[in-house]
């Protein structure tokens, strides 16, 4: 079934591959210096708003983008929800988005910022894995949980979910472990992956 659905969504796969190639070319072109200069301007701006409350908030929030919270949610769905389609959709989407992040980091190989408020991960900087996987995971989770809900509930819960995943991306910039362009690039890469997973979910749940 997964092979069949991937064939039906080849456009999203091709779009993802093209985006990775284009971003890779941009990062190795003369445009990179302009991007880096803007990233440093953002870092300088963030340095003026750093305080204890923001730091505590973003340190807590960024954990929701780490692997263990989505993994716990996936395990709970497997154990407590009878419809295993939810488990397969959510786990497949999360693993696939993680794979795209892994491949992108290896191809682009962008170094991390030098200073951060938390331990700097040893992996490459672009794209922000927290951003990509959080968008795909939490919005897919939203879709599955509100699949049979009314329109008003869907809109309200979607806005809340979107707000949370954007804040997770912002937390990576605030904490200094990613550049602004890492997060923006993560959002761009997450969009076709998310559309593909949602499209597959519609057909599977039907």
C-alpha atoms as a PDB file:
ATOM      1  CA  UNK A   1       0.000   0.000   0.000  1.00  0.00           C
ATOM      2  CA  UNK A   2       2.807   2.427   0.891  1.00  0.00           C
ATOM      3  CA  UNK A   3       4.550   1.846  -2.474  1.00  0.00           C
ATOM      4  CA  UNK A   4       1.306   2.498  -4.310  1.00  0.00           C
ATOM      5  CA  UNK A   5       0.621   5.697  -2.391  1.00  0.00           C
ATOM      6  CA  UNK A   6       4.167   6.947  -2.980  1.00  0.00           C
ATOM      7  CA  UNK A   7       3.642   6.459  -6.712  1.00  0.00           C
ATOM      8  CA  UNK A   8       0.383   8.404  -6.504  1.00  0.00           C
ATOM      9  CA  UNK A   9       2.221  11.235  -4.742  1.00  0.00           C
ATOM     10  CA  UNK A  10       5.346  11.327  -6.880  1.00  0.00           C
ATOM     11  CA  UNK A  11       4.834  15.049  -7.534  1.00  0.00           C
ATOM     12  CA  UNK A  12       5.450  15.822  -3.864  1.00  0.00           C
ATOM     13  CA  UNK A  13       8.531  13.595  -3.862  1.00  0.00           C
ATOM     14  CA  UNK A  14       9.916  15.295  -6.961  1.00  0.00           C
ATOM     15  CA  UNK A  15       9.198  18.721  -5.456  1.00  0.00           C
ATOM     16  CA  UNK A  16      11.091  17.753  -2.290  1.00  0.00           C
ATOM     17  CA  UNK A  17      14.091  16.535  -4.288  1.00  0.00           C
ATOM     18  CA  UNK A  18      14.103  19.692  -6.455  1.00  0.00           C
ATOM     19  CA  UNK A  19      13.955  21.887  -3.340  1.00  0.00           C
ATOM     20  CA  UNK A  20      16.930  20.081  -1.812  1.00  0.00           C
ATOM     21  CA  UNK A  21      18.949  20.482  -5.031  1.00  0.00           C
ATOM     22  CA  UNK A  22      18.037  24.180  -5.436  1.00  0.00           C
ATOM     23  CA  UNK A  23      18.785  24.981  -1.785  1.00  0.00           C
ATOM     24  CA  UNK A  24      22.105  23.142  -2.078  1.00  0.00           C
ATOM     25  CA  UNK A  25      23.032  25.253  -5.119  1.00  0.00           C
ATOM     26  CA  UNK A  26      21.994  28.489  -3.390  1.00  0.00           C
ATOM     27  CA  UNK A  27      24.034  27.630  -0.289  1.00  0.00           C
ATOM     28  CA  UNK A  28      27.109  27.143  -2.485  1.00  0.00           C
ATOM     29  CA  UNK A  29      26.566  30.278  -4.572  1.00  0.00           C
ATOM     30  CA  UNK A  30      27.371  33.948  -4.000  1.00  0.00           C
ATOM     31  CA  UNK A  31      23.923  34.387  -2.458  1.00  0.00           C
ATOM     32  CA  UNK A  32      25.128  32.492   0.597  1.00  0.00           C
ATOM     33  CA  UNK A  33      27.072  35.493   1.918  1.00  0.00           C
ATOM     34  CA  UNK A  34      23.934  37.647   1.813  1.00  0.00           C
ATOM     35  CA  UNK A  35      21.955  34.920   3.583  1.00  0.00           C
ATOM     36  CA  UNK A  36      24.661  34.551   6.229  1.00  0.00           C
ATOM     37  CA  UNK A  37      24.808  38.317   6.808  1.00  0.00           C
ATOM     38  CA  UNK A  38      21.053  38.405   7.364  1.00  0.00           C
ATOM     39  CA  UNK A  39      21.315  35.408   9.707  1.00  0.00           C
ATOM     40  CA  UNK A  40      23.895  37.275  11.777  1.00  0.00           C
ATOM     41  CA  UNK A  41      21.614  40.330  11.891  1.00  0.00           C
ATOM     42  CA  UNK A  42      18.909  38.081  13.358  1.00  0.00           C
ATOM     43  CA  UNK A  43      21.399  36.677  15.890  1.00  0.00           C
ATOM     44  CA  UNK A  44      22.322  40.232  16.947  1.00  0.00           C
ATOM     45  CA  UNK A  45      18.643  41.132  17.334  1.00  0.00           C
ATOM     46  CA  UNK A  46      17.951  38.017  19.432  1.00  0.00           C
ATOM     47  CA  UNK A  47      20.903  38.844  21.705  1.00  0.00           C
ATOM     48  CA  UNK A  48      19.084  42.025  22.802  1.00  0.00           C
ATOM     49  CA  UNK A  49      15.903  40.209  23.872  1.00  0.00           C
ATOM     50  CA  UNK A  50      17.470  37.283  25.753  1.00  0.00           C
ATOM     51  CA  UNK A  51      16.172  37.014  29.306  1.00  0.00           C
ATOM     52  CA  UNK A  52      15.552  34.323  31.917  1.00  0.00           C
ATOM     53  CA  UNK A  53      11.846  33.919  31.145  1.00  0.00           C
ATOM     54  CA  UNK A  54      12.261  33.561  27.373  1.00  0.00           C
ATOM     55  CA  UNK A  55      15.176  31.180  27.844  1.00  0.00           C
ATOM     56  CA  UNK A  56      13.256  28.915  30.244  1.00  0.00           C
ATOM     57  CA  UNK A  57      10.211  28.937  27.942  1.00  0.00           C
ATOM     58  CA  UNK A  58      12.123  28.086  24.761  1.00  0.00           C
ATOM     59  CA  UNK A  59      14.274  25.470  26.495  1.00  0.00           C
ATOM     60  CA  UNK A  60      11.084  23.670  27.535  1.00  0.00           C
ATOM     61  CA  UNK A  61       9.356  24.136  24.180  1.00  0.00           C
ATOM     62  CA  UNK A  62      12.252  22.931  22.046  1.00  0.00           C
ATOM     63  CA  UNK A  63      11.971  19.509  23.710  1.00  0.00           C
ATOM     64  CA  UNK A  64       8.756  18.909  21.771  1.00  0.00           C
ATOM     65  CA  UNK A  65      10.849  18.897  18.602  1.00  0.00           C
ATOM     66  CA  UNK A  66      13.231  16.247  19.922  1.00  0.00           C
ATOM     67  CA  UNK A  67      12.731  12.617  18.908  1.00  0.00           C
ATOM     68  CA  UNK A  68      11.571  11.256  22.259  1.00  0.00           C
ATOM     69  CA  UNK A  69       8.250  13.140  22.605  1.00  0.00           C
ATOM     70  CA  UNK A  70       6.959  12.223  19.099  1.00  0.00           C
ATOM     71  CA  UNK A  71       8.201   8.656  19.717  1.00  0.00           C
ATOM     72  CA  UNK A  72       6.260   8.461  23.002  1.00  0.00           C
ATOM     73  CA  UNK A  73       3.130   9.718  21.251  1.00  0.00           C
ATOM     74  CA  UNK A  74       3.548   7.161  18.450  1.00  0.00           C
ATOM     75  CA  UNK A  75       4.018   4.350  20.991  1.00  0.00           C
ATOM     76  CA  UNK A  76       0.899   5.453  22.922  1.00  0.00           C
ATOM     77  CA  UNK A  77      -1.118   5.468  19.698  1.00  0.00           C
ATOM     78  CA  UNK A  78       0.101   1.953  18.914  1.00  0.00           C
ATOM     79  CA  UNK A  79      -0.784   0.693  22.383  1.00  0.00           C
ATOM     80  CA  UNK A  80      -4.084   2.443  23.044  1.00  0.00           C
ATOM     81  CA  UNK A  81      -5.743   3.132  19.683  1.00  0.00           C
ATOM     82  CA  UNK A  82      -7.280   0.144  17.932  1.00  0.00           C
ATOM     83  CA  UNK A  83      -7.085   1.637  14.452  1.00  0.00           C
ATOM     84  CA  UNK A  84      -3.444   0.871  13.577  1.00  0.00           C
ATOM     85  CA  UNK A  85      -3.703   3.030  10.447  1.00  0.00           C
ATOM     86  CA  UNK A  86      -3.078   6.028  12.720  1.00  0.00           C
ATOM     87  CA  UNK A  87       0.147   4.445  13.935  1.00  0.00           C
ATOM     88  CA  UNK A  88       1.402   3.607  10.426  1.00  0.00           C
ATOM     89  CA  UNK A  89       0.597   7.037   9.012  1.00  0.00           C
ATOM     90  CA  UNK A  90       2.165   8.979  11.878  1.00  0.00           C
ATOM     91  CA  UNK A  91       5.290   6.829  12.208  1.00  0.00           C
ATOM     92  CA  UNK A  92       5.878   6.694   8.431  1.00  0.00           C
ATOM     93  CA  UNK A  93       5.547  10.469   8.116  1.00  0.00           C
ATOM     94  CA  UNK A  94       7.891  11.091  11.028  1.00  0.00           C
ATOM     95  CA  UNK A  95      10.547   8.666   9.783  1.00  0.00           C
ATOM     96  CA  UNK A  96      10.328   9.970   6.212  1.00  0.00           C
ATOM     97  CA  UNK A  97      10.690  13.612   7.280  1.00  0.00           C
ATOM     98  CA  UNK A  98      13.656  12.622   9.459  1.00  0.00           C
ATOM     99  CA  UNK A  99      15.256  10.880   6.489  1.00  0.00           C
ATOM    100  CA  UNK A 100      14.845  13.991   4.331  1.00  0.00           C
ATOM    101  CA  UNK A 101      16.509  16.065   7.057  1.00  0.00           C
ATOM    102  CA  UNK A 102      19.387  13.580   7.327  1.00  0.00           C
ATOM    103  CA  UNK A 103      20.036  13.549   3.566  1.00  0.00           C
ATOM    104  CA  UNK A 104      19.754  17.350   3.304  1.00  0.00           C
ATOM    105  CA  UNK A 105      22.244  17.906   6.120  1.00  0.00           C
ATOM    106  CA  UNK A 106      24.767  15.544   4.509  1.00  0.00           C
ATOM    107  CA  UNK A 107      24.451  17.248   1.122  1.00  0.00           C
ATOM    108  CA  UNK A 108      24.587  20.865   2.318  1.00  0.00           C
ATOM    109  CA  UNK A 109      26.931  20.410   5.313  1.00  0.00           C
ATOM    110  CA  UNK A 110      26.383  23.836   6.827  1.00  0.00           C
ATOM    111  CA  UNK A 111      28.218  24.450  10.134  1.00  0.00           C
ATOM    112  CA  UNK A 112      26.210  25.359  13.225  1.00  0.00           C
ATOM    113  CA  UNK A 113      26.347  28.820  14.853  1.00  0.00           C
ATOM    114  CA  UNK A 114      29.349  29.178  17.153  1.00  0.00           C
ATOM    115  CA  UNK A 115      27.555  30.295  20.339  1.00  0.00           C
ATOM    116  CA  UNK A 116      24.352  28.909  21.861  1.00  0.00           C
ATOM    117  CA  UNK A 117      22.356  28.889  25.096  1.00  0.00           C
ATOM    118  CA  UNK A 118      22.281  25.070  25.109  1.00  0.00           C
ATOM    119  CA  UNK A 119      24.659  22.341  23.983  1.00  0.00           C
ATOM    120  CA  UNK A 120      25.202  22.623  20.237  1.00  0.00           C
ATOM    121  CA  UNK A 121      24.286  19.381  18.410  1.00  0.00           C
ATOM    122  CA  UNK A 122      27.083  17.715  16.461  1.00  0.00           C
ATOM    123  CA  UNK A 123      25.009  17.366  13.288  1.00  0.00           C
ATOM    124  CA  UNK A 124      25.059  19.945  10.485  1.00  0.00           C
ATOM    125  CA  UNK A 125      22.903  23.051  10.730  1.00  0.00           C
ATOM    126  CA  UNK A 126      20.752  23.113   7.578  1.00  0.00           C
ATOM    127  CA  UNK A 127      17.880  22.440   7.649  1.00  0.00           C
ATOM    128  CA  UNK A 128      16.458  22.632  11.146  1.00  0.00           C
ATOM    129  CA  UNK A 129      15.421  19.054  11.863  1.00  0.00           C
ATOM    130  CA  UNK A 130      13.202  20.194  14.741  1.00  0.00           C
ATOM    131  CA  UNK A 131      11.306  22.436  12.322  1.00  0.00           C
ATOM    132  CA  UNK A 132      10.832  19.872   9.544  1.00  0.00           C
ATOM    133  CA  UNK A 133       9.849  16.927  11.720  1.00  0.00           C
ATOM    134  CA  UNK A 134       7.662  19.014  14.060  1.00  0.00           C
ATOM    135  CA  UNK A 135       5.639  20.479  11.198  1.00  0.00           C
ATOM    136  CA  UNK A 136       5.121  17.079   9.599  1.00  0.00           C
ATOM    137  CA  UNK A 137       4.493  15.196  12.855  1.00  0.00           C
ATOM    138  CA  UNK A 138       2.258  17.566  14.792  1.00  0.00           C
ATOM    139  CA  UNK A 139       0.148  18.733  11.853  1.00  0.00           C
ATOM    140  CA  UNK A 140      -0.328  15.110  10.754  1.00  0.00           C
ATOM    141  CA  UNK A 141      -1.315  14.303  14.342  1.00  0.00           C
ATOM    142  CA  UNK A 142      -3.764  17.215  14.250  1.00  0.00           C
ATOM    143  CA  UNK A 143      -5.254  15.902  11.014  1.00  0.00           C
ATOM    144  CA  UNK A 144      -5.718  12.394  12.390  1.00  0.00           C
ATOM    145  CA  UNK A 145      -7.240  13.579  15.672  1.00  0.00           C
ATOM    146  CA  UNK A 146      -9.666  16.023  14.019  1.00  0.00           C
ATOM    147  CA  UNK A 147     -10.490  13.907  10.963  1.00  0.00           C
ATOM    148  CA  UNK A 148     -14.156  13.553  11.988  1.00  0.00           C
ATOM    149  CA  UNK A 149     -14.449  16.866  13.839  1.00  0.00           C
ATOM    150  CA  UNK A 150     -16.555  19.827  12.721  1.00  0.00           C
ATOM    151  CA  UNK A 151     -15.068  22.703  10.738  1.00  0.00           C
ATOM    152  CA  UNK A 152     -14.862  25.119  13.670  1.00  0.00           C
ATOM    153  CA  UNK A 153     -12.935  22.635  15.813  1.00  0.00           C
ATOM    154  CA  UNK A 154     -10.566  21.900  12.945  1.00  0.00           C
ATOM    155  CA  UNK A 155      -9.794  25.579  12.360  1.00  0.00           C
ATOM    156  CA  UNK A 156      -9.220  26.415  16.038  1.00  0.00           C
ATOM    157  CA  UNK A 157      -7.035  23.367  16.713  1.00  0.00           C
ATOM    158  CA  UNK A 158      -5.100  23.911  13.477  1.00  0.00           C
ATOM    159  CA  UNK A 159      -4.237  27.487  14.451  1.00  0.00           C
ATOM    160  CA  UNK A 160      -3.034  26.270  17.863  1.00  0.00           C
ATOM    161  CA  UNK A 161      -0.963  23.466  16.279  1.00  0.00           C
ATOM    162  CA  UNK A 162       0.544  25.810  13.688  1.00  0.00           C
ATOM    163  CA  UNK A 163       1.420  28.314  16.417  1.00  0.00           C
ATOM    164  CA  UNK A 164       3.192  25.600  18.424  1.00  0.00           C
ATOM    165  CA  UNK A 165       5.289  24.265  15.516  1.00  0.00           C
ATOM    166  CA  UNK A 166       6.312  27.794  14.514  1.00  0.00           C
ATOM    167  CA  UNK A 167       7.373  28.482  18.104  1.00  0.00           C
ATOM    168  CA  UNK A 168       9.446  25.277  18.070  1.00  0.00           C
ATOM    169  CA  UNK A 169      11.282  26.650  15.029  1.00  0.00           C
ATOM    170  CA  UNK A 170      11.752  30.026  16.717  1.00  0.00           C
ATOM    171  CA  UNK A 171      13.119  28.267  19.809  1.00  0.00           C
ATOM    172  CA  UNK A 172      15.996  26.897  17.717  1.00  0.00           C
ATOM    173  CA  UNK A 173      16.938  30.411  16.604  1.00  0.00           C
ATOM    174  CA  UNK A 174      16.556  31.908  20.078  1.00  0.00           C
ATOM    175  CA  UNK A 175      18.648  29.177  21.701  1.00  0.00           C
ATOM    176  CA  UNK A 176      21.353  29.738  19.094  1.00  0.00           C
ATOM    177  CA  UNK A 177      21.598  26.221  17.650  1.00  0.00           C
ATOM    178  CA  UNK A 178      20.234  27.232  14.241  1.00  0.00           C
ATOM    179  CA  UNK A 179      20.338  30.181  11.896  1.00  0.00           C
ATOM    180  CA  UNK A 180      17.128  31.909  10.794  1.00  0.00           C
ATOM    181  CA  UNK A 181      17.571  30.512   7.266  1.00  0.00           C
ATOM    182  CA  UNK A 182      17.851  26.969   8.701  1.00  0.00           C
ATOM    183  CA  UNK A 183      14.354  27.302  10.116  1.00  0.00           C
ATOM    184  CA  UNK A 184      12.916  28.948   6.987  1.00  0.00           C
ATOM    185  CA  UNK A 185      14.512  26.223   4.879  1.00  0.00           C
ATOM    186  CA  UNK A 186      13.004  23.636   7.219  1.00  0.00           C
ATOM    187  CA  UNK A 187       9.528  25.118   6.720  1.00  0.00           C
ATOM    188  CA  UNK A 188       9.955  25.077   2.928  1.00  0.00           C
ATOM    189  CA  UNK A 189      11.100  21.446   2.913  1.00  0.00           C
ATOM    190  CA  UNK A 190       8.337  20.367   5.303  1.00  0.00           C
ATOM    191  CA  UNK A 191       5.488  21.671   3.116  1.00  0.00           C
ATOM    192  CA  UNK A 192       5.603  19.117   0.244  1.00  0.00           C
ATOM    193  CA  UNK A 193       6.295  16.285   2.716  1.00  0.00           C
ATOM    194  CA  UNK A 194       3.301  17.326   4.808  1.00  0.00           C
ATOM    195  CA  UNK A 195       1.009  17.571   1.779  1.00  0.00           C
ATOM    196  CA  UNK A 196       2.090  14.101   0.707  1.00  0.00           C
ATOM    197  CA  UNK A 197       1.418  12.571   4.148  1.00  0.00           C
ATOM    198  CA  UNK A 198      -1.964  14.312   4.451  1.00  0.00           C
ATOM    199  CA  UNK A 199      -2.928  13.188   0.946  1.00  0.00           C
ATOM    200  CA  UNK A 200      -1.985   9.595   1.796  1.00  0.00           C
ATOM    201  CA  UNK A 201      -3.877   9.871   5.092  1.00  0.00           C
ATOM    202  CA  UNK A 202      -7.064  10.932   3.305  1.00  0.00           C
ATOM    203  CA  UNK A 203      -6.981   7.860   1.068  1.00  0.00           C
ATOM    204  CA  UNK A 204      -5.990   5.430   3.817  1.00  0.00           C
ATOM    205  CA  UNK A 205      -8.627   6.653   6.285  1.00  0.00           C
ATOM    206  CA  UNK A 206     -11.271   6.611   3.598  1.00  0.00           C
END
